[in-house]
Amino acid sequence: MRADVSRQVRGGCDVQRVEHRRQAAHLYCSLVGTAEDLLYLTQGITYAELTERLRQRFGTREQHEKFRLELKFRSKKSTESLQHLAGVEQKLTRLANQSADVATRGILARDGFIDALDDRQLQIDIRRQNPTLLDTALTLAMKLDVLTR
């Protein structure tokens, strides 16, 4: 009985090794662009090592901080429209806070949008109106921007 169990375990391990090789081959063939370039820098590594390197380079978990910093230091460019700024803020907020619920991300996007405005008085005027949504803050910003020109 013991020999049968040992043979089954070895057979299972062989199947698992084949599966990992197949997964690795599929992954290697699927990579393009900068992810493909990573292959040339890391030749001779295992499937597990490759997936870990890809996760570190491109995984959202490691990039949350990057997106948070972009949000924190983002400011409206002089040539940028308010609509574009709102869209960028919404996208960065989603990327930086993927585990947050929709309502929380909405609040963060709204606050990020107001903070990114390049006119301090406009920021204050919008905050006085107490908008609850990003779209409301955007609409107020557009109206106030037209009125102050």
C-alpha atoms as a PDB file:
ATOM      1  CA  MET A   1       0.000   0.000   0.000  1.00  0.00           C
ATOM      2  CA  ARG A   2       2.809   2.375   0.834  1.00  0.00           C
ATOM      3  CA  ALA A   3       4.380   2.016  -2.640  1.00  0.00           C
ATOM      4  CA  ASP A   4       1.029   2.832  -4.276  1.00  0.00           C
ATOM      5  CA  VAL A   5       0.689   6.061  -2.286  1.00  0.00           C
ATOM      6  CA  SER A   6       4.262   7.045  -3.139  1.00  0.00           C
ATOM      7  CA  ARG A   7       3.634   6.404  -6.835  1.00  0.00           C
ATOM      8  CA  GLN A   8       0.421   8.487  -6.718  1.00  0.00           C
ATOM      9  CA  VAL A   9       2.216  11.375  -5.031  1.00  0.00           C
ATOM     10  CA  ARG A  10       5.038  11.295  -7.609  1.00  0.00           C
ATOM     11  CA  GLY A  11       2.471  11.134 -10.416  1.00  0.00           C
ATOM     12  CA  GLY A  12       0.639  14.103  -8.959  1.00  0.00           C
ATOM     13  CA  CYS A  13       3.886  16.064  -8.689  1.00  0.00           C
ATOM     14  CA  ASP A  14       4.735  15.265 -12.321  1.00  0.00           C
ATOM     15  CA  VAL A  15       1.321  16.511 -13.429  1.00  0.00           C
ATOM     16  CA  GLN A  16       1.804  19.665 -11.371  1.00  0.00           C
ATOM     17  CA  ARG A  17       5.250  20.284 -12.926  1.00  0.00           C
ATOM     18  CA  VAL A  18       3.789  19.865 -16.407  1.00  0.00           C
ATOM     19  CA  GLU A  19       0.971  22.260 -15.538  1.00  0.00           C
ATOM     20  CA  HIS A  20       3.451  24.889 -14.291  1.00  0.00           C
ATOM     21  CA  ARG A  21       5.523  24.505 -17.459  1.00  0.00           C
ATOM     22  CA  ARG A  22       2.395  24.925 -19.576  1.00  0.00           C
ATOM     23  CA  GLN A  23       1.351  28.000 -17.585  1.00  0.00           C
ATOM     24  CA  ALA A  24       4.861  29.444 -17.906  1.00  0.00           C
ATOM     25  CA  ALA A  25       4.910  28.834 -21.676  1.00  0.00           C
ATOM     26  CA  HIS A  26       1.514  30.502 -22.054  1.00  0.00           C
ATOM     27  CA  LEU A  27       2.625  33.461 -19.933  1.00  0.00           C
ATOM     28  CA  TYR A  28       5.887  33.869 -21.865  1.00  0.00           C
ATOM     29  CA  CYS A  29       3.995  33.893 -25.175  1.00  0.00           C
ATOM     30  CA  SER A  30       1.373  36.346 -23.891  1.00  0.00           C
ATOM     31  CA  LEU A  31       3.682  39.101 -22.691  1.00  0.00           C
ATOM     32  CA  VAL A  32       4.122  42.206 -24.851  1.00  0.00           C
ATOM     33  CA  GLY A  33       5.742  45.626 -24.518  1.00  0.00           C
ATOM     34  CA  THR A  34       7.532  46.428 -21.278  1.00  0.00           C
ATOM     35  CA  ALA A  35       6.316  43.182 -19.722  1.00  0.00           C
ATOM     36  CA  GLU A  36       8.007  41.267 -22.541  1.00  0.00           C
ATOM     37  CA  ASP A  37      11.200  43.274 -21.953  1.00  0.00           C
ATOM     38  CA  LEU A  38      11.178  41.962 -18.403  1.00  0.00           C
ATOM     39  CA  LEU A  39      11.691  38.449 -19.823  1.00  0.00           C
ATOM     40  CA  TYR A  40      15.049  39.395 -21.305  1.00  0.00           C
ATOM     41  CA  LEU A  41      16.201  40.836 -17.997  1.00  0.00           C
ATOM     42  CA  THR A  42      15.165  37.756 -16.036  1.00  0.00           C
ATOM     43  CA  GLN A  43      16.058  34.726 -18.143  1.00  0.00           C
ATOM     44  CA  GLY A  44      16.314  31.414 -16.344  1.00  0.00           C
ATOM     45  CA  ILE A  45      13.828  32.161 -13.563  1.00  0.00           C
ATOM     46  CA  THR A  46      10.920  29.956 -12.560  1.00  0.00           C
ATOM     47  CA  TYR A  47       7.263  30.581 -13.311  1.00  0.00           C
ATOM     48  CA  ALA A  48       6.659  31.598  -9.686  1.00  0.00           C
ATOM     49  CA  GLU A  49       9.576  34.043  -9.771  1.00  0.00           C
ATOM     50  CA  LEU A  50       8.382  35.532 -13.050  1.00  0.00           C
ATOM     51  CA  THR A  51       4.827  36.038 -11.813  1.00  0.00           C
ATOM     52  CA  GLU A  52       6.176  37.666  -8.654  1.00  0.00           C
ATOM     53  CA  ARG A  53       8.385  40.042 -10.684  1.00  0.00           C
ATOM     54  CA  LEU A  54       5.440  40.915 -12.930  1.00  0.00           C
ATOM     55  CA  ARG A  55       3.241  41.507  -9.900  1.00  0.00           C
ATOM     56  CA  GLN A  56       5.870  43.784  -8.376  1.00  0.00           C
ATOM     57  CA  ARG A  57       6.328  45.744 -11.600  1.00  0.00           C
ATOM     58  CA  PHE A  58       2.751  45.952 -12.819  1.00  0.00           C
ATOM     59  CA  GLY A  59       0.554  44.780  -9.948  1.00  0.00           C
ATOM     60  CA  THR A  60      -1.962  47.264  -8.667  1.00  0.00           C
ATOM     61  CA  ARG A  61      -1.049  46.534  -5.065  1.00  0.00           C
ATOM     62  CA  GLU A  62       2.385  48.093  -5.548  1.00  0.00           C
ATOM     63  CA  GLN A  63       1.065  50.928  -7.682  1.00  0.00           C
ATOM     64  CA  HIS A  64      -1.579  52.146  -5.222  1.00  0.00           C
ATOM     65  CA  GLU A  65       0.988  54.377  -3.546  1.00  0.00           C
ATOM     66  CA  LYS A  66       2.076  55.816  -6.903  1.00  0.00           C
ATOM     67  CA  PHE A  67      -1.509  56.731  -7.754  1.00  0.00           C
ATOM     68  CA  ARG A  68      -2.069  58.182  -4.267  1.00  0.00           C
ATOM     69  CA  LEU A  69       0.978  60.413  -4.692  1.00  0.00           C
ATOM     70  CA  GLU A  70      -0.218  61.517  -8.123  1.00  0.00           C
ATOM     71  CA  LEU A  71      -3.552  62.461  -6.573  1.00  0.00           C
ATOM     72  CA  LYS A  72      -1.945  64.295  -3.693  1.00  0.00           C
ATOM     73  CA  PHE A  73       0.306  66.457  -5.858  1.00  0.00           C
ATOM     74  CA  ARG A  74      -1.985  66.824  -8.887  1.00  0.00           C
ATOM     75  CA  SER A  75      -2.913  70.333  -9.919  1.00  0.00           C
ATOM     76  CA  LYS A  76      -4.825  71.683 -12.891  1.00  0.00           C
ATOM     77  CA  LYS A  77      -2.653  72.679 -15.797  1.00  0.00           C
ATOM     78  CA  SER A  78      -3.388  76.051 -17.381  1.00  0.00           C
ATOM     79  CA  THR A  79      -4.393  74.407 -20.681  1.00  0.00           C
ATOM     80  CA  GLU A  80      -6.461  71.652 -19.037  1.00  0.00           C
ATOM     81  CA  SER A  81     -10.252  71.818 -19.056  1.00  0.00           C
ATOM     82  CA  LEU A  82     -12.230  71.313 -15.875  1.00  0.00           C
ATOM     83  CA  GLN A  83     -13.947  68.299 -17.442  1.00  0.00           C
ATOM     84  CA  HIS A  84     -10.596  66.662 -18.201  1.00  0.00           C
ATOM     85  CA  LEU A  85      -9.342  67.363 -14.685  1.00  0.00           C
ATOM     86  CA  ALA A  86     -12.467  65.744 -13.209  1.00  0.00           C
ATOM     87  CA  GLY A  87     -11.997  62.672 -15.411  1.00  0.00           C
ATOM     88  CA  VAL A  88      -8.351  62.295 -14.419  1.00  0.00           C
ATOM     89  CA  GLU A  89      -9.193  62.705 -10.739  1.00  0.00           C
ATOM     90  CA  GLN A  90     -11.911  60.069 -11.003  1.00  0.00           C
ATOM     91  CA  LYS A  91      -9.586  57.622 -12.753  1.00  0.00           C
ATOM     92  CA  LEU A  92      -6.673  58.144 -10.334  1.00  0.00           C
ATOM     93  CA  THR A  93      -9.001  57.825  -7.354  1.00  0.00           C
ATOM     94  CA  ARG A  94     -10.331  54.516  -8.667  1.00  0.00           C
ATOM     95  CA  LEU A  95      -6.802  53.205  -9.266  1.00  0.00           C
ATOM     96  CA  ALA A  96      -5.481  54.385  -5.904  1.00  0.00           C
ATOM     97  CA  ASN A  97      -8.434  53.156  -3.844  1.00  0.00           C
ATOM     98  CA  GLN A  98      -9.667  49.976  -5.495  1.00  0.00           C
ATOM     99  CA  SER A  99     -10.725  48.396  -2.224  1.00  0.00           C
ATOM    100  CA  ALA A 100     -12.847  51.402  -1.225  1.00  0.00           C
ATOM    101  CA  ASP A 101     -16.564  51.359  -1.904  1.00  0.00           C
ATOM    102  CA  VAL A 102     -18.057  53.510  -4.666  1.00  0.00           C
ATOM    103  CA  ALA A 103     -19.381  56.180  -2.291  1.00  0.00           C
ATOM    104  CA  THR A 104     -15.996  56.622  -0.620  1.00  0.00           C
ATOM    105  CA  ARG A 105     -14.222  56.836  -3.977  1.00  0.00           C
ATOM    106  CA  GLY A 106     -16.752  59.464  -5.041  1.00  0.00           C
ATOM    107  CA  ILE A 107     -15.968  61.597  -2.011  1.00  0.00           C
ATOM    108  CA  LEU A 108     -12.217  61.203  -2.549  1.00  0.00           C
ATOM    109  CA  ALA A 109     -12.541  62.119  -6.246  1.00  0.00           C
ATOM    110  CA  ARG A 110     -14.642  65.174  -5.419  1.00  0.00           C
ATOM    111  CA  ASP A 111     -12.152  66.382  -2.816  1.00  0.00           C
ATOM    112  CA  GLY A 112      -9.201  65.648  -5.095  1.00  0.00           C
ATOM    113  CA  PHE A 113     -10.829  67.613  -7.902  1.00  0.00           C
ATOM    114  CA  ILE A 114     -11.432  70.646  -5.709  1.00  0.00           C
ATOM    115  CA  ASP A 115      -7.907  70.465  -4.266  1.00  0.00           C
ATOM    116  CA  ALA A 116      -6.394  70.247  -7.767  1.00  0.00           C
ATOM    117  CA  LEU A 117      -8.034  73.476  -8.961  1.00  0.00           C
ATOM    118  CA  ASP A 118      -5.474  76.181  -9.677  1.00  0.00           C
ATOM    119  CA  ASP A 119      -7.605  78.999  -8.241  1.00  0.00           C
ATOM    120  CA  ARG A 120      -7.755  79.194  -4.436  1.00  0.00           C
ATOM    121  CA  GLN A 121     -10.862  81.406  -4.447  1.00  0.00           C
ATOM    122  CA  LEU A 122     -12.632  78.968  -6.766  1.00  0.00           C
ATOM    123  CA  GLN A 123     -11.809  76.145  -4.337  1.00  0.00           C
ATOM    124  CA  ILE A 124     -13.314  78.110  -1.449  1.00  0.00           C
ATOM    125  CA  ASP A 125     -16.438  79.081  -3.404  1.00  0.00           C
ATOM    126  CA  ILE A 126     -17.068  75.462  -4.408  1.00  0.00           C
ATOM    127  CA  ARG A 127     -16.536  74.185  -0.858  1.00  0.00           C
ATOM    128  CA  ARG A 128     -19.044  76.754   0.440  1.00  0.00           C
ATOM    129  CA  GLN A 129     -21.674  75.164  -1.808  1.00  0.00           C
ATOM    130  CA  ASN A 130     -20.905  71.785  -0.161  1.00  0.00           C
ATOM    131  CA  PRO A 131     -21.197  69.565  -3.247  1.00  0.00           C
ATOM    132  CA  THR A 132     -21.780  65.900  -2.455  1.00  0.00           C
ATOM    133  CA  LEU A 133     -20.602  64.463  -5.783  1.00  0.00           C
ATOM    134  CA  LEU A 134     -17.724  65.030  -8.180  1.00  0.00           C
ATOM    135  CA  ASP A 135     -20.190  65.901 -10.951  1.00  0.00           C
ATOM    136  CA  THR A 136     -21.813  68.530  -8.742  1.00  0.00           C
ATOM    137  CA  ALA A 137     -18.424  70.034  -7.912  1.00  0.00           C
ATOM    138  CA  LEU A 138     -17.536  70.050 -11.623  1.00  0.00           C
ATOM    139  CA  THR A 139     -20.780  71.808 -12.550  1.00  0.00           C
ATOM    140  CA  LEU A 140     -20.215  74.426  -9.836  1.00  0.00           C
ATOM    141  CA  ALA A 141     -16.621  74.949 -10.964  1.00  0.00           C
ATOM    142  CA  MET A 142     -17.705  75.502 -14.563  1.00  0.00           C
ATOM    143  CA  LYS A 143     -20.435  77.978 -13.543  1.00  0.00           C
ATOM    144  CA  LEU A 144     -18.173  79.898 -11.178  1.00  0.00           C
ATOM    145  CA  ASP A 145     -15.358  79.936 -13.717  1.00  0.00           C
ATOM    146  CA  VAL A 146     -17.642  81.544 -16.306  1.00  0.00           C
ATOM    147  CA  LEU A 147     -18.934  84.104 -13.762  1.00  0.00           C
ATOM    148  CA  THR A 148     -15.431  85.183 -12.708  1.00  0.00           C
ATOM    149  CA  ARG A 149     -14.127  85.765 -16.244  1.00  0.00           C
END
